[in-house]
Amino acid sequence: MPSTAIRHLSYSASTRELRVTFTSGRRYAYAQVPPEVHEAFRTAPSRGAFFNHRVRDRFSYREIERSGRDRQRRRRG
């Protein structure tokens, strides 16, 4: 079932970077994401729920702006 919040996922095992594109068009890169988290995210029945519970606020991230520049963010907590 397609997600209503998440348009696309990509993952680099070598850098452990997870990239998420939301249906709004905003893109984020999450750092140091273990491969098992990516695999569980990829196969989750609800990617939006998985993101909210297992990714959001758990990993450092940066927004990938449409201009190609990155804005650094840190996880909360």
PDB file of N, CA and C in Angstrom:
ATOM      1  N   MET A   1       0.843  -1.179   0.000  1.00  0.00           N
ATOM      2  CA  MET A   1       0.000   0.000   0.000  1.00  0.00           C
ATOM      3  C   MET A   1       0.892   1.246   0.000  1.00  0.00           C
ATOM      4  N   PRO A   2       0.690   2.175  -0.912  1.00  0.00           N
ATOM      5  CA  PRO A   2       1.498   3.391  -0.953  1.00  0.00           C
ATOM      6  C   PRO A   2       1.266   4.252   0.290  1.00  0.00           C
ATOM      7  N   SER A   3       2.321   4.918   0.717  1.00  0.00           N
ATOM      8  CA  SER A   3       2.229   5.801   1.878  1.00  0.00           C
ATOM      9  C   SER A   3       1.592   7.118   1.474  1.00  0.00           C
ATOM     10  N   THR A   4       0.811   7.685   2.380  1.00  0.00           N
ATOM     11  CA  THR A   4       0.244   9.005   2.118  1.00  0.00           C
ATOM     12  C   THR A   4       1.198  10.109   2.555  1.00  0.00           C
ATOM     13  N   ALA A   5       2.267   9.759   3.273  1.00  0.00           N
ATOM     14  CA  ALA A   5       3.220  10.757   3.769  1.00  0.00           C
ATOM     15  C   ALA A   5       4.578  10.669   3.090  1.00  0.00           C
ATOM     16  N   ILE A   6       4.986   9.464   2.715  1.00  0.00           N
ATOM     17  CA  ILE A   6       6.347   9.255   2.217  1.00  0.00           C
ATOM     18  C   ILE A   6       6.317   8.816   0.760  1.00  0.00           C
ATOM     19  N   ARG A   7       7.006   9.568  -0.073  1.00  0.00           N
ATOM     20  CA  ARG A   7       7.031   9.284  -1.506  1.00  0.00           C
ATOM     21  C   ARG A   7       8.133   8.298  -1.876  1.00  0.00           C
ATOM     22  N   HIS A   8       9.319   8.452  -1.256  1.00  0.00           N
ATOM     23  CA  HIS A   8      10.464   7.649  -1.697  1.00  0.00           C
ATOM     24  C   HIS A   8      11.478   7.488  -0.569  1.00  0.00           C
ATOM     25  N   LEU A   9      12.145   6.333  -0.548  1.00  0.00           N
ATOM     26  CA  LEU A   9      13.241   6.053   0.380  1.00  0.00           C
ATOM     27  C   LEU A   9      14.454   5.632  -0.421  1.00  0.00           C
ATOM     28  N   SER A  10      15.625   6.003   0.056  1.00  0.00           N
ATOM     29  CA  SER A  10      16.858   5.435  -0.488  1.00  0.00           C
ATOM     30  C   SER A  10      17.842   5.304   0.664  1.00  0.00           C
ATOM     31  N   TYR A  11      18.791   4.390   0.506  1.00  0.00           N
ATOM     32  CA  TYR A  11      19.717   4.100   1.593  1.00  0.00           C
ATOM     33  C   TYR A  11      21.084   3.771   1.036  1.00  0.00           C
ATOM     34  N   SER A  12      22.105   4.306   1.680  1.00  0.00           N
ATOM     35  CA  SER A  12      23.489   3.979   1.339  1.00  0.00           C
ATOM     36  C   SER A  12      24.072   3.175   2.487  1.00  0.00           C
ATOM     37  N   ALA A  13      24.345   1.908   2.251  1.00  0.00           N
ATOM     38  CA  ALA A  13      24.921   1.056   3.294  1.00  0.00           C
ATOM     39  C   ALA A  13      26.331   1.509   3.661  1.00  0.00           C
ATOM     40  N   SER A  14      27.072   2.035   2.701  1.00  0.00           N
ATOM     41  CA  SER A  14      28.453   2.445   2.985  1.00  0.00           C
ATOM     42  C   SER A  14      28.523   3.658   3.909  1.00  0.00           C
ATOM     43  N   THR A  15      27.578   4.572   3.786  1.00  0.00           N
ATOM     44  CA  THR A  15      27.567   5.761   4.650  1.00  0.00           C
ATOM     45  C   THR A  15      26.513   5.676   5.745  1.00  0.00           C
ATOM     46  N   ARG A  16      25.651   4.672   5.657  1.00  0.00           N
ATOM     47  CA  ARG A  16      24.531   4.485   6.594  1.00  0.00           C
ATOM     48  C   ARG A  16      23.601   5.702   6.600  1.00  0.00           C
ATOM     49  N   GLU A  17      23.416   6.285   5.414  1.00  0.00           N
ATOM     50  CA  GLU A  17      22.549   7.450   5.274  1.00  0.00           C
ATOM     51  C   GLU A  17      21.226   7.038   4.636  1.00  0.00           C
ATOM     52  N   LEU A  18      20.155   7.398   5.297  1.00  0.00           N
ATOM     53  CA  LEU A  18      18.803   7.149   4.811  1.00  0.00           C
ATOM     54  C   LEU A  18      18.242   8.456   4.283  1.00  0.00           C
ATOM     55  N   ARG A  19      17.781   8.443   3.057  1.00  0.00           N
ATOM     56  CA  ARG A  19      17.153   9.633   2.470  1.00  0.00           C
ATOM     57  C   ARG A  19      15.667   9.373   2.313  1.00  0.00           C
ATOM     58  N   VAL A  20      14.883  10.336   2.760  1.00  0.00           N
ATOM     59  CA  VAL A  20      13.430  10.219   2.730  1.00  0.00           C
ATOM     60  C   VAL A  20      12.867  11.421   1.982  1.00  0.00           C
ATOM     61  N   THR A  21      12.020  11.145   0.994  1.00  0.00           N
ATOM     62  CA  THR A  21      11.297  12.195   0.295  1.00  0.00           C
ATOM     63  C   THR A  21       9.838  12.079   0.691  1.00  0.00           C
ATOM     64  N   PHE A  22       9.289  13.173   1.197  1.00  0.00           N
ATOM     65  CA  PHE A  22       7.895  13.193   1.623  1.00  0.00           C
ATOM     66  C   PHE A  22       6.998  13.619   0.469  1.00  0.00           C
ATOM     67  N   THR A  23       5.723  13.343   0.575  1.00  0.00           N
ATOM     68  CA  THR A  23       4.794  13.697  -0.496  1.00  0.00           C
ATOM     69  C   THR A  23       4.713  15.209  -0.685  1.00  0.00           C
ATOM     70  N   SER A  24       5.124  15.967   0.311  1.00  0.00           N
ATOM     71  CA  SER A  24       5.166  17.432   0.208  1.00  0.00           C
ATOM     72  C   SER A  24       6.292  17.897  -0.715  1.00  0.00           C
ATOM     73  N   GLY A  25       7.226  16.973  -1.013  1.00  0.00           N
ATOM     74  CA  GLY A  25       8.385  17.316  -1.823  1.00  0.00           C
ATOM     75  C   GLY A  25       9.629  17.605  -0.999  1.00  0.00           C
ATOM     76  N   ARG A  26       9.477  17.739   0.304  1.00  0.00           N
ATOM     77  CA  ARG A  26      10.638  17.985   1.164  1.00  0.00           C
ATOM     78  C   ARG A  26      11.458  16.710   1.289  1.00  0.00           C
ATOM     79  N   ARG A  27      12.800  16.885   1.292  1.00  0.00           N
ATOM     80  CA  ARG A  27      13.712  15.742   1.355  1.00  0.00           C
ATOM     81  C   ARG A  27      14.656  15.900   2.541  1.00  0.00           C
ATOM     82  N   TYR A  28      14.904  14.775   3.216  1.00  0.00           N
ATOM     83  CA  TYR A  28      15.784  14.771   4.379  1.00  0.00           C
ATOM     84  C   TYR A  28      16.738  13.594   4.290  1.00  0.00           C
ATOM     85  N   ALA A  29      17.935  13.794   4.852  1.00  0.00           N
ATOM     86  CA  ALA A  29      18.931  12.730   4.958  1.00  0.00           C
ATOM     87  C   ALA A  29      19.180  12.480   6.438  1.00  0.00           C
ATOM     88  N   TYR A  30      19.068  11.225   6.858  1.00  0.00           N
ATOM     89  CA  TYR A  30      19.245  10.816   8.252  1.00  0.00           C
ATOM     90  C   TYR A  30      20.555  10.057   8.367  1.00  0.00           C
ATOM     91  N   ALA A  31      21.365  10.425   9.379  1.00  0.00           N
ATOM     92  CA  ALA A  31      22.717   9.883   9.527  1.00  0.00           C
ATOM     93  C   ALA A  31      22.761   8.685  10.462  1.00  0.00           C
ATOM     94  N   GLN A  32      23.699   7.783  10.153  1.00  0.00           N
ATOM     95  CA  GLN A  32      24.009   6.625  11.000  1.00  0.00           C
ATOM     96  C   GLN A  32      22.794   5.731  11.277  1.00  0.00           C
ATOM     97  N   VAL A  33      22.023   5.493  10.237  1.00  0.00           N
ATOM     98  CA  VAL A  33      20.855   4.611  10.344  1.00  0.00           C
ATOM     99  C   VAL A  33      21.318   3.177  10.092  1.00  0.00           C
ATOM    100  N   PRO A  34      21.101   2.277  11.042  1.00  0.00           N
ATOM    101  CA  PRO A  34      21.515   0.885  10.843  1.00  0.00           C
ATOM    102  C   PRO A  34      20.758   0.235   9.681  1.00  0.00           C
ATOM    103  N   PRO A  35      21.402  -0.696   8.985  1.00  0.00           N
ATOM    104  CA  PRO A  35      20.746  -1.344   7.845  1.00  0.00           C
ATOM    105  C   PRO A  35      19.448  -2.046   8.221  1.00  0.00           C
ATOM    106  N   GLU A  36      19.372  -2.593   9.425  1.00  0.00           N
ATOM    107  CA  GLU A  36      18.141  -3.286   9.820  1.00  0.00           C
ATOM    108  C   GLU A  36      16.970  -2.316   9.996  1.00  0.00           C
ATOM    109  N   VAL A  37      17.255  -1.066  10.366  1.00  0.00           N
ATOM    110  CA  VAL A  37      16.190  -0.058  10.456  1.00  0.00           C
ATOM    111  C   VAL A  37      15.699   0.280   9.053  1.00  0.00           C
ATOM    112  N   HIS A  38      16.635   0.440   8.115  1.00  0.00           N
ATOM    113  CA  HIS A  38      16.231   0.708   6.735  1.00  0.00           C
ATOM    114  C   HIS A  38      15.370  -0.424   6.183  1.00  0.00           C
ATOM    115  N   GLU A  39      15.795  -1.654   6.393  1.00  0.00           N
ATOM    116  CA  GLU A  39      15.045  -2.800   5.861  1.00  0.00           C
ATOM    117  C   GLU A  39      13.649  -2.869   6.472  1.00  0.00           C
ATOM    118  N   ALA A  40      13.550  -2.646   7.769  1.00  0.00           N
ATOM    119  CA  ALA A  40      12.238  -2.657   8.423  1.00  0.00           C
ATOM    120  C   ALA A  40      11.366  -1.517   7.900  1.00  0.00           C
ATOM    121  N   PHE A  41      11.961  -0.360   7.666  1.00  0.00           N
ATOM    122  CA  PHE A  41      11.235   0.794   7.125  1.00  0.00           C
ATOM    123  C   PHE A  41      10.730   0.471   5.726  1.00  0.00           C
ATOM    124  N   ARG A  42      11.608  -0.085   4.913  1.00  0.00           N
ATOM    125  CA  ARG A  42      11.262  -0.411   3.522  1.00  0.00           C
ATOM    126  C   ARG A  42      10.089  -1.371   3.433  1.00  0.00           C
ATOM    127  N   THR A  43       9.996  -2.295   4.382  1.00  0.00           N
ATOM    128  CA  THR A  43       8.959  -3.334   4.322  1.00  0.00           C
ATOM    129  C   THR A  43       7.794  -3.087   5.282  1.00  0.00           C
ATOM    130  N   ALA A  44       7.801  -1.955   5.963  1.00  0.00           N
ATOM    131  CA  ALA A  44       6.741  -1.666   6.943  1.00  0.00           C
ATOM    132  C   ALA A  44       5.381  -1.528   6.260  1.00  0.00           C
ATOM    133  N   PRO A  45       4.324  -2.061   6.888  1.00  0.00           N
ATOM    134  CA  PRO A  45       2.984  -1.906   6.318  1.00  0.00           C
ATOM    135  C   PRO A  45       2.545  -0.442   6.277  1.00  0.00           C
ATOM    136  N   SER A  46       3.026   0.362   7.226  1.00  0.00           N
ATOM    137  CA  SER A  46       2.741   1.798   7.240  1.00  0.00           C
ATOM    138  C   SER A  46       4.063   2.541   7.390  1.00  0.00           C
ATOM    139  N   ARG A  47       4.561   3.070   6.282  1.00  0.00           N
ATOM    140  CA  ARG A  47       5.839   3.781   6.332  1.00  0.00           C
ATOM    141  C   ARG A  47       5.744   5.050   7.167  1.00  0.00           C
ATOM    142  N   GLY A  48       4.605   5.720   7.113  1.00  0.00           N
ATOM    143  CA  GLY A  48       4.431   6.929   7.916  1.00  0.00           C
ATOM    144  C   GLY A  48       4.507   6.635   9.400  1.00  0.00           C
ATOM    145  N   ALA A  49       3.827   5.586   9.842  1.00  0.00           N
ATOM    146  CA  ALA A  49       3.856   5.203  11.256  1.00  0.00           C
ATOM    147  C   ALA A  49       5.251   4.746  11.651  1.00  0.00           C
ATOM    148  N   PHE A  50       5.906   3.978  10.792  1.00  0.00           N
ATOM    149  CA  PHE A  50       7.262   3.525  11.089  1.00  0.00           C
ATOM    150  C   PHE A  50       8.191   4.726  11.248  1.00  0.00           C
ATOM    151  N   PHE A  51       8.106   5.658  10.328  1.00  0.00           N
ATOM    152  CA  PHE A  51       8.943   6.853  10.400  1.00  0.00           C
ATOM    153  C   PHE A  51       8.727   7.582  11.723  1.00  0.00           C
ATOM    154  N   ASN A  52       7.482   7.794  12.098  1.00  0.00           N
ATOM    155  CA  ASN A  52       7.183   8.530  13.328  1.00  0.00           C
ATOM    156  C   ASN A  52       7.690   7.829  14.577  1.00  0.00           C
ATOM    157  N   HIS A  53       7.676   6.513  14.592  1.00  0.00           N
ATOM    158  CA  HIS A  53       8.060   5.760  15.790  1.00  0.00           C
ATOM    159  C   HIS A  53       9.526   5.332  15.821  1.00  0.00           C
ATOM    160  N   ARG A  54      10.145   5.131  14.646  1.00  0.00           N
ATOM    161  CA  ARG A  54      11.490   4.533  14.638  1.00  0.00           C
ATOM    162  C   ARG A  54      12.582   5.401  14.006  1.00  0.00           C
ATOM    163  N   VAL A  55      12.208   6.480  13.330  1.00  0.00           N
ATOM    164  CA  VAL A  55      13.218   7.312  12.669  1.00  0.00           C
ATOM    165  C   VAL A  55      13.174   8.753  13.190  1.00  0.00           C
ATOM    166  N   ARG A  56      12.018   9.353  13.133  1.00  0.00           N
ATOM    167  CA  ARG A  56      11.859  10.750  13.551  1.00  0.00           C
ATOM    168  C   ARG A  56      12.375  10.948  14.976  1.00  0.00           C
ATOM    169  N   ASP A  57      13.158  11.991  15.168  1.00  0.00           N
ATOM    170  CA  ASP A  57      13.722  12.369  16.473  1.00  0.00           C
ATOM    171  C   ASP A  57      14.696  11.346  17.047  1.00  0.00           C
ATOM    172  N   ARG A  58      15.130  10.366  16.253  1.00  0.00           N
ATOM    173  CA  ARG A  58      16.089   9.365  16.743  1.00  0.00           C
ATOM    174  C   ARG A  58      17.451   9.456  16.063  1.00  0.00           C
ATOM    175  N   PHE A  59      17.502  10.118  14.924  1.00  0.00           N
ATOM    176  CA  PHE A  59      18.752  10.226  14.176  1.00  0.00           C
ATOM    177  C   PHE A  59      19.000  11.683  13.805  1.00  0.00           C
ATOM    178  N   SER A  60      20.274  12.063  13.769  1.00  0.00           N
ATOM    179  CA  SER A  60      20.617  13.391  13.259  1.00  0.00           C
ATOM    180  C   SER A  60      20.195  13.452  11.801  1.00  0.00           C
ATOM    181  N   TYR A  61      19.776  14.627  11.369  1.00  0.00           N
ATOM    182  CA  TYR A  61      19.304  14.744   9.994  1.00  0.00           C
ATOM    183  C   TYR A  61      19.622  16.119   9.437  1.00  0.00           C
ATOM    184  N   ARG A  62      19.513  16.210   8.132  1.00  0.00           N
ATOM    185  CA  ARG A  62      19.647  17.484   7.443  1.00  0.00           C
ATOM    186  C   ARG A  62      18.599  17.523   6.351  1.00  0.00           C
ATOM    187  N   GLU A  63      18.066  18.711   6.129  1.00  0.00           N
ATOM    188  CA  GLU A  63      17.120  18.881   5.037  1.00  0.00           C
ATOM    189  C   GLU A  63      17.911  19.113   3.761  1.00  0.00           C
ATOM    190  N   ILE A  64      17.508  18.455   2.714  1.00  0.00           N
ATOM    191  CA  ILE A  64      18.117  18.654   1.402  1.00  0.00           C
ATOM    192  C   ILE A  64      17.219  19.641   0.672  1.00  0.00           C
ATOM    193  N   GLU A  65      17.682  20.861   0.563  1.00  0.00           N
ATOM    194  CA  GLU A  65      16.866  21.906  -0.046  1.00  0.00           C
ATOM    195  C   GLU A  65      16.773  21.712  -1.548  1.00  0.00           C
ATOM    196  N   ARG A  66      15.758  22.258  -2.123  1.00  0.00           N
ATOM    197  CA  ARG A  66      15.555  22.117  -3.568  1.00  0.00           C
ATOM    198  C   ARG A  66      16.695  22.719  -4.369  1.00  0.00           C
ATOM    199  N   SER A  67      17.388  23.685  -3.779  1.00  0.00           N
ATOM    200  CA  SER A  67      18.527  24.300  -4.464  1.00  0.00           C
ATOM    201  C   SER A  67      19.744  23.383  -4.463  1.00  0.00           C
ATOM    202  N   GLY A  68      19.649  22.273  -3.702  1.00  0.00           N
ATOM    203  CA  GLY A  68      20.763  21.344  -3.613  1.00  0.00           C
ATOM    204  C   GLY A  68      21.599  21.545  -2.364  1.00  0.00           C
ATOM    205  N   ARG A  69      21.351  22.646  -1.643  1.00  0.00           N
ATOM    206  CA  ARG A  69      22.088  22.895  -0.399  1.00  0.00           C
ATOM    207  C   ARG A  69      21.455  22.089   0.730  1.00  0.00           C
ATOM    208  N   ASP A  70      22.272  21.774   1.717  1.00  0.00           N
ATOM    209  CA  ASP A  70      21.801  21.033   2.885  1.00  0.00           C
ATOM    210  C   ASP A  70      21.707  21.973   4.073  1.00  0.00           C
ATOM    211  N   ARG A  71      20.680  21.759   4.889  1.00  0.00           N
ATOM    212  CA  ARG A  71      20.562  22.463   6.164  1.00  0.00           C
ATOM    213  C   ARG A  71      20.700  21.430   7.258  1.00  0.00           C
ATOM    214  N   GLN A  72      21.712  21.593   8.096  1.00  0.00           N
ATOM    215  CA  GLN A  72      22.004  20.618   9.147  1.00  0.00           C
ATOM    216  C   GLN A  72      20.982  20.715  10.276  1.00  0.00           C
ATOM    217  N   ARG A  73      20.564  19.585  10.773  1.00  0.00           N
ATOM    218  CA  ARG A  73      19.652  19.514  11.915  1.00  0.00           C
ATOM    219  C   ARG A  73      20.171  18.457  12.867  1.00  0.00           C
ATOM    220  N   ARG A  74      19.775  18.556  14.094  1.00  0.00           N
ATOM    221  CA  ARG A  74      20.129  17.557  15.101  1.00  0.00           C
ATOM    222  C   ARG A  74      18.852  16.937  15.630  1.00  0.00           C
ATOM    223  N   ARG A  75      18.998  15.715  16.088  1.00  0.00           N
ATOM    224  CA  ARG A  75      17.830  15.065  16.670  1.00  0.00           C
ATOM    225  C   ARG A  75      17.482  15.740  17.981  1.00  0.00           C
ATOM    226  N   ARG A  76      16.234  15.684  18.310  1.00  0.00           N
ATOM    227  CA  ARG A  76      15.765  16.259  19.568  1.00  0.00           C
ATOM    228  C   ARG A  76      15.991  15.275  20.684  1.00  0.00           C
ATOM    229  N   GLY A  77      16.050  15.801  21.891  1.00  0.00           N
ATOM    230  CA  GLY A  77      16.103  14.910  23.036  1.00  0.00           C
ATOM    231  C   GLY A  77      17.388  14.912  23.647  1.00  0.00           C
TER     232      GLY A  77
END
